[in-house]
Protein backbone atom coordinates (compact mmCIF):
# COMPACT_ATOMS: atom_id res chain seq x y z
CA MET A 1 16.36 -304.38 118.69
CA PRO A 2 19.72 -304.97 117.04
CA SER A 3 21.94 -307.56 118.69
CA GLN A 4 25.00 -306.34 120.54
CA ASN A 5 27.01 -308.94 118.66
CA ALA A 6 25.77 -307.90 115.20
CA THR A 7 28.66 -306.65 113.16
CA PRO A 8 28.04 -304.96 109.78
CA THR A 9 29.80 -306.32 106.69
CA PRO A 10 33.35 -304.92 106.80
CA ILE A 11 34.31 -302.35 104.16
CA THR A 12 37.30 -300.16 103.51
CA PRO A 13 35.70 -296.83 102.52
CA PRO A 14 38.78 -295.00 101.14
CA ARG A 15 39.28 -297.75 98.54
CA VAL A 16 35.62 -298.35 97.69
CA PRO A 17 33.61 -295.31 96.42
CA ILE A 18 29.97 -295.45 97.42
CA ILE A 19 28.97 -294.83 93.76
CA ASP A 20 30.37 -297.27 91.18
CA PRO A 21 31.82 -294.96 88.43
CA ARG A 22 31.19 -297.63 85.77
CA THR A 23 27.44 -297.86 86.35
CA GLY A 24 26.51 -294.72 88.27
CA LEU A 25 24.79 -296.93 90.89
CA ILE A 26 25.67 -297.78 94.52
CA ASP A 27 28.71 -300.04 94.76
CA ARG A 28 28.04 -303.70 95.54
CA ALA A 29 30.23 -303.65 98.68
CA TRP A 30 28.29 -300.72 100.07
CA PHE A 31 25.01 -302.43 99.23
CA LEU A 32 26.07 -305.51 101.20
CA PHE A 33 27.08 -303.30 104.10
CA PHE A 34 23.70 -301.62 104.31
CA LEU A 35 21.98 -304.97 103.81
CA SER A 36 23.87 -306.41 106.77
CA LEU A 37 22.74 -303.50 108.93
CA ASN A 38 19.17 -304.16 107.93
CA ASN A 39 19.48 -307.89 108.54
CA SER A 40 20.99 -307.27 111.97
CA ALA A 41 18.07 -305.08 112.92
CA GLN A 42 15.51 -307.55 111.53
CA THR A 43 16.92 -310.68 113.17
CA ALA A 44 17.58 -309.26 116.63
CA ASP A 45 15.62 -311.07 119.38
CA SER A 46 14.92 -308.70 122.27
CA SER A 47 13.49 -311.46 124.51
CA ASP A 48 16.76 -313.23 125.30
CA ILE A 49 19.57 -310.90 124.19
CA SER A 50 20.46 -307.85 126.24
CA PRO A 51 21.17 -304.81 124.15
CA ASN A 52 24.52 -303.17 124.37
CA VAL A 53 23.44 -299.80 123.05
CA ASN A 54 26.73 -298.05 123.56
CA SER A 55 28.70 -300.75 121.72
CA LEU A 56 26.28 -300.88 118.78
CA ALA A 57 26.09 -297.09 118.54
CA ALA A 58 29.88 -296.90 118.49
CA SER A 59 29.95 -299.45 115.67
CA TYR A 60 27.40 -297.49 113.63
CA GLU A 61 29.22 -294.22 114.35
CA ALA A 62 32.43 -295.67 112.94
CA GLU A 63 30.68 -296.84 109.80
CA ILE A 64 28.96 -293.46 109.30
CA GLN A 65 32.34 -291.76 109.52
CA ALA A 66 33.66 -294.22 106.93
CA ILE A 67 30.76 -293.34 104.62
CA SER A 68 31.56 -289.65 105.05
CA GLN A 69 35.16 -290.28 104.09
CA ALA A 70 34.04 -292.31 101.05
CA LEU A 71 31.80 -289.52 99.85
CA GLN A 72 34.79 -287.19 99.94
CA THR A 73 36.51 -289.43 97.34
CA LEU A 74 33.80 -288.77 94.71
CA PRO A 75 34.75 -286.48 91.78
CA PRO A 76 34.15 -282.84 92.71
CA ASN A 77 32.29 -282.18 89.43
CA LEU A 78 30.00 -285.20 89.64
CA GLU A 79 26.86 -283.07 89.79
CA ALA A 80 27.94 -281.14 86.68
CA GLN A 81 28.65 -284.42 84.85
CA ILE A 82 25.24 -285.79 85.78
CA ALA A 83 23.56 -282.57 84.59
CA GLU A 84 25.42 -282.72 81.26
CA LEU A 85 24.45 -286.36 80.80
CA ALA A 86 20.82 -285.47 81.46
CA LYS A 87 20.96 -282.81 78.75
CA GLU A 88 22.35 -285.34 76.23
CA VAL A 89 19.58 -287.81 77.08
CA GLN A 90 16.96 -285.10 76.59
CA ALA A 91 18.51 -284.14 73.25
CA LEU A 92 18.31 -287.74 72.05
CA ALA A 93 14.67 -287.89 73.10
CA VAL A 94 13.65 -284.92 70.94
CA GLN A 95 15.60 -285.92 67.81
CA PRO A 96 13.32 -286.89 64.89
CA ILE A 97 13.09 -290.50 63.93
CA SER A 98 15.29 -291.31 60.93
CA THR A 99 13.36 -291.15 57.66
CA PRO A 100 13.43 -294.38 55.64
CA GLN A 101 15.47 -294.16 52.45
CA ILE A 102 14.65 -295.64 49.06
CA PRO A 103 16.74 -295.75 45.87
CA GLN A 104 15.67 -293.52 43.02
CA PHE A 105 14.99 -295.29 39.71
CA VAL A 106 16.72 -293.52 36.86
CA TYR A 107 16.13 -294.54 33.24
CA GLY A 108 14.74 -293.43 29.91
CA SER A 109 13.90 -295.00 26.55
CA PHE A 110 13.23 -292.93 23.42
CA TYR A 111 12.87 -293.58 19.69
CA SER A 112 11.92 -291.97 16.39
CA THR A 113 9.28 -293.00 13.85
CA ALA A 114 10.61 -290.64 11.16
CA ASP A 115 13.65 -290.28 8.95
CA GLN A 116 16.33 -288.14 10.54
CA PRO A 117 16.59 -284.64 9.00
CA ASP A 118 19.58 -284.11 6.73
CA GLY A 119 20.36 -282.36 3.47
CA SER A 120 23.96 -281.22 3.79
CA THR A 121 27.14 -283.27 3.86
CA THR A 122 28.98 -280.47 5.68
CA THR A 123 26.51 -280.01 8.52
CA ALA A 124 26.20 -281.76 11.90
CA TYR A 125 22.62 -282.66 12.82
CA PRO A 126 21.15 -283.57 16.19
CA ILE A 127 19.42 -286.93 16.33
CA LEU A 128 15.71 -286.34 16.97
CA TYR A 129 13.10 -288.41 18.83
CA ASP A 130 9.33 -288.28 18.66
CA THR A 131 8.38 -290.99 21.17
CA THR A 132 9.13 -291.48 24.86
CA GLN A 133 8.69 -295.15 25.73
CA PHE A 134 9.82 -295.08 29.37
CA SER A 135 11.02 -292.22 31.54
CA LYS A 136 12.00 -291.85 35.19
CA ASN A 137 14.29 -288.94 36.04
CA VAL A 138 15.56 -288.96 32.43
CA THR A 139 13.44 -286.87 30.05
CA LEU A 140 13.27 -285.76 26.42
CA GLN A 141 13.46 -281.97 26.04
CA ASP A 142 12.95 -279.56 23.13
CA ARG A 143 15.76 -277.43 21.84
CA THR A 144 14.12 -274.06 21.03
CA ALA A 145 15.15 -270.87 19.28
CA VAL A 146 13.12 -267.68 18.73
CA PHE A 147 14.29 -265.16 16.15
CA THR A 148 13.27 -262.57 13.58
CA ALA A 149 13.66 -263.67 9.96
CA SER A 150 12.32 -263.60 6.44
CA ILE A 151 12.37 -266.26 3.69
CA GLY A 152 12.73 -265.76 -0.04
CA PRO A 153 11.27 -264.33 -2.07
CA ALA A 154 10.40 -267.67 -3.66
CA SER A 155 13.55 -269.40 -2.44
CA THR A 156 14.94 -271.57 0.31
CA THR A 157 17.09 -268.80 1.79
CA MET A 158 16.10 -267.57 5.24
CA THR A 159 17.66 -264.37 6.53
CA VAL A 160 17.86 -264.01 10.31
CA THR A 161 18.22 -260.42 11.52
CA ALA A 162 17.79 -260.78 15.31
CA ILE A 163 17.91 -263.53 17.95
CA THR A 164 15.50 -263.50 20.88
CA SER A 165 16.67 -266.83 22.27
CA GLY A 166 18.71 -269.57 20.75
CA PRO A 167 20.89 -270.84 19.32
CA ILE A 168 19.45 -271.87 15.93
CA TYR A 169 20.14 -275.53 15.11
CA PRO A 170 20.07 -277.32 11.74
CA GLY A 171 17.26 -279.87 11.81
CA MET A 172 14.85 -277.55 13.63
CA THR A 173 11.29 -277.38 12.38
CA ILE A 174 10.23 -273.73 12.11
CA THR A 175 6.83 -272.10 12.59
CA GLY A 176 5.60 -268.54 12.23
CA THR A 177 3.22 -266.34 10.25
CA GLY A 178 3.27 -267.43 6.60
CA VAL A 179 5.78 -270.28 7.11
CA THR A 180 4.89 -273.49 5.24
CA ALA A 181 4.07 -276.31 7.67
CA GLY A 182 6.87 -278.84 8.11
CA THR A 183 9.63 -276.47 6.97
CA ARG A 184 12.94 -277.27 8.63
CA ILE A 185 16.37 -275.70 8.69
CA VAL A 186 18.82 -277.61 6.46
CA SER A 187 22.06 -275.71 7.04
CA GLN A 188 23.60 -272.35 7.84
CA LEU A 189 25.01 -270.45 4.85
CA THR A 190 26.56 -267.31 6.37
CA GLY A 191 26.95 -265.47 9.66
CA THR A 192 27.72 -266.41 13.25
CA ASP A 193 27.04 -270.05 14.11
CA GLY A 194 23.50 -270.40 15.43
CA SER A 195 22.88 -266.66 15.33
CA THR A 196 22.20 -263.95 12.74
CA GLY A 197 22.99 -264.72 9.12
CA THR A 198 21.45 -266.75 6.29
CA TYR A 199 20.17 -270.32 6.39
CA ARG A 200 18.87 -272.84 3.88
CA VAL A 201 15.41 -274.25 4.61
CA SER A 202 13.78 -277.35 3.19
CA VAL A 203 10.86 -275.68 1.36
CA SER A 204 11.00 -272.78 -1.15
CA GLN A 205 8.61 -269.98 -0.11
CA THR A 206 8.16 -266.28 0.51
CA VAL A 207 7.77 -265.05 4.08
CA ALA A 208 7.96 -261.42 5.14
CA SER A 209 10.05 -260.54 8.20
CA THR A 210 8.34 -262.05 11.25
CA THR A 211 8.96 -263.81 14.52
CA ILE A 212 9.87 -267.46 13.87
CA THR A 213 10.24 -270.29 16.37
CA GLY A 214 12.48 -273.28 15.72
CA THR A 215 12.19 -276.52 17.72
CA CYS A 216 13.65 -280.00 17.71
CA LYS A 217 13.35 -282.81 20.26
CA SER A 218 16.98 -283.74 20.77
CA LYS A 219 17.97 -282.98 24.37
CA ILE A 220 18.17 -285.82 26.90
CA LYS A 221 17.97 -284.27 30.36
CA CYS A 222 19.33 -286.18 33.38
CA GLU A 223 17.66 -284.93 36.54
CA ILE A 224 19.94 -286.79 38.98
CA ALA A 225 23.72 -286.45 39.05
CA GLY A 226 25.80 -289.51 38.20
CA VAL A 227 27.50 -291.54 35.49
CA TYR A 228 25.02 -292.65 32.80
CA ASN A 229 25.11 -295.45 30.26
CA ALA A 230 23.65 -294.27 26.94
CA GLN A 231 22.97 -297.05 24.40
CA PHE A 232 21.80 -296.28 20.89
CA SER A 233 20.72 -298.22 17.83
CA VAL A 234 20.63 -296.32 14.51
CA GLN A 235 19.11 -297.67 11.27
CA MET A 236 21.30 -296.46 8.38
CA VAL A 237 20.52 -296.72 4.69
CA ASN A 238 22.61 -296.25 1.55
CA THR A 239 20.85 -295.85 -1.80
CA ASP A 240 24.10 -295.57 -3.75
CA ALA A 241 26.12 -298.48 -5.15
CA SER A 242 29.25 -297.36 -3.30
CA ILE A 243 29.98 -297.63 0.44
CA HIS A 244 29.56 -294.37 2.35
CA ASP A 245 30.21 -293.33 5.95
CA ILE A 246 28.09 -291.89 8.74
CA ASP A 247 29.59 -290.41 11.93
CA ILE A 248 27.82 -290.37 15.31
CA TRP A 249 29.08 -288.65 18.45
CA MET A 250 27.94 -287.16 21.72
CA ARG A 251 27.41 -283.51 22.62
CA LYS A 252 26.97 -282.41 26.26
CA ASN A 253 25.35 -279.07 27.15
CA GLY A 254 25.97 -277.88 23.58
CA THR A 255 29.67 -278.89 23.47
CA ASP A 256 31.08 -281.92 21.64
CA VAL A 257 32.37 -284.63 24.01
CA ALA A 258 36.02 -285.40 23.28
CA ASP A 259 36.80 -288.84 21.79
CA SER A 260 33.12 -289.80 21.55
CA ASN A 261 32.80 -290.16 17.74
CA SER A 262 32.25 -293.45 15.90
CA GLN A 263 32.30 -293.91 12.11
CA PHE A 264 30.10 -296.48 10.38
CA SER A 265 30.59 -297.61 6.79
CA VAL A 266 27.20 -298.37 5.23
CA PRO A 267 27.28 -300.98 2.42
CA GLY A 268 26.16 -299.92 -1.05
CA LYS A 269 23.01 -300.87 -2.90
CA HIS A 270 23.11 -304.46 -4.18
CA GLY A 271 20.73 -306.45 -6.39
CA GLY A 272 18.30 -303.56 -6.46
CA VAL A 273 18.13 -303.49 -2.64
CA ASP A 274 19.37 -300.53 -0.65
CA GLY A 275 22.30 -301.17 1.65
CA HIS A 276 21.47 -301.14 5.37
CA LEU A 277 23.47 -301.13 8.58
CA ILE A 278 22.55 -300.93 12.25
CA GLY A 279 24.96 -298.73 14.16
CA ALA A 280 24.80 -299.77 17.82
CA LEU A 281 27.01 -298.55 20.64
CA ASN A 282 26.98 -297.57 24.28
CA LEU A 283 28.79 -294.63 25.87
CA PHE A 284 29.30 -293.60 29.49
CA ILE A 285 28.91 -289.94 30.39
CA ASP A 286 29.21 -288.09 33.70
CA MET A 287 26.27 -285.74 34.25
CA ALA A 288 25.48 -283.17 36.93
CA ALA A 289 21.85 -282.79 37.99
CA ASP A 290 19.65 -281.31 35.21
CA GLU A 291 22.39 -281.35 32.57
CA TYR A 292 21.59 -282.66 29.09
CA PHE A 293 23.28 -284.44 26.23
CA GLU A 294 22.53 -285.00 22.55
CA LEU A 295 23.58 -287.50 19.90
CA MET A 296 24.90 -285.80 16.77
CA TRP A 297 25.43 -287.24 13.30
CA SER A 298 26.73 -286.35 9.87
CA THR A 299 26.99 -288.08 6.49
CA LEU A 300 29.66 -287.83 3.82
CA ASP A 301 27.20 -288.50 1.00
CA ALA A 302 23.58 -287.40 0.50
CA SER A 303 22.61 -290.96 -0.46
CA THR A 304 23.47 -292.28 3.01
CA THR A 305 21.10 -291.29 5.79
CA ILE A 306 19.26 -292.52 8.92
CA GLN A 307 15.95 -294.10 7.89
CA TYR A 308 12.66 -295.10 9.47
CA ILE A 309 11.20 -298.32 7.99
CA GLY A 310 7.48 -298.99 8.45
CA ALA A 311 5.91 -302.34 9.31
CA GLN A 312 6.54 -305.03 6.71
CA THR A 313 4.92 -308.25 5.54
CA GLY A 314 6.10 -311.60 4.19
CA PRO A 315 6.60 -312.34 7.06
CA VAL A 316 4.87 -309.73 9.18
CA ARG A 317 7.45 -307.54 10.94
CA PRO A 318 7.04 -304.50 13.16
CA ALA A 319 8.26 -301.08 12.17
CA THR A 320 11.95 -300.19 12.46
CA PRO A 321 12.59 -296.91 14.29
CA SER A 322 15.27 -294.74 12.74
CA VAL A 323 16.85 -294.37 16.21
CA ILE A 324 16.40 -296.11 19.56
CA LEU A 325 18.09 -294.66 22.65
CA THR A 326 18.07 -296.10 26.17
CA VAL A 327 19.63 -294.29 29.12
CA SER A 328 20.24 -295.62 32.63
CA LEU A 329 22.20 -294.50 35.68
CA ALA A 330 25.34 -296.63 35.97
CA SER A 331 26.62 -295.21 39.26
CA VAL A 332 25.12 -295.65 42.75
CA PRO A 333 21.69 -293.96 42.75
CA THR A 334 20.91 -291.01 44.94
CA LEU A 335 18.83 -291.83 48.02
CA GLN A 336 15.69 -289.92 48.88
CA GLY A 337 13.44 -289.99 51.92
CA VAL A 338 9.85 -291.11 51.72
């Protein structure tokens, strides 16, 4: 039985809330109070101490009233706050675990094992590639045109009467019923650029009006948005004794990129050896996802072109591509979940 002299730990209820607002748990002072009540009850010795029930009951009654007053100091919306907190905890529990992120590799390397098409000193040609060495999110794409045309008779003039899809580009290799294999478009003679009109082709022939398809591998497609670094190496040759120039520039989505041109002066033939020059440069270009760019070139003299050189001996040397292009993403890569 509790001792008549047992006095609970003193506490001032109005100044000490029973629930600590910082932790949401019972306040330490209140814990000590209840602990003292328990200790008093546990340590009481009924064999030699006479109980004073009225005194002890009065003490407990006073403390119970103090607890009641303390409870009245709690925020009136405590239950609502607790319910809202429980909802937030449940929401966190059902959220999916964050997916790991990895950087996307973005690069491409392309080259050509053929001379670059030419034939006109007043025509801009796209640089073409026939080999993809490496490719990750940067790809080589065909430029394609489908049209109705005839060639000849017995000439290099092609007359285009209708466009199914286009535009028509100089440098395209054309195929169709009766068209000589390997025929390519040299230049446009008359009409709307890339559309109906007359064109000069590389092989004299006679072809009745038919559906013709023109293709050339010139488009570099960037599948991920960002700023790209495009680096090219172009093998130029001059078979004339005088120096002649070649221009190279960038075209994005079919439109020339401002201030992107570079002019290279190729040395003339000397001692019976053709003049050669490597034109190497890098350009930065901002691309949206799935946009494409092309390298364009032109020559001021028919003797100066872009040449593929096969493997050589004395000493043994590998082949020299006419063009090498490498493309890499220069900006921060896009992240993608795995």
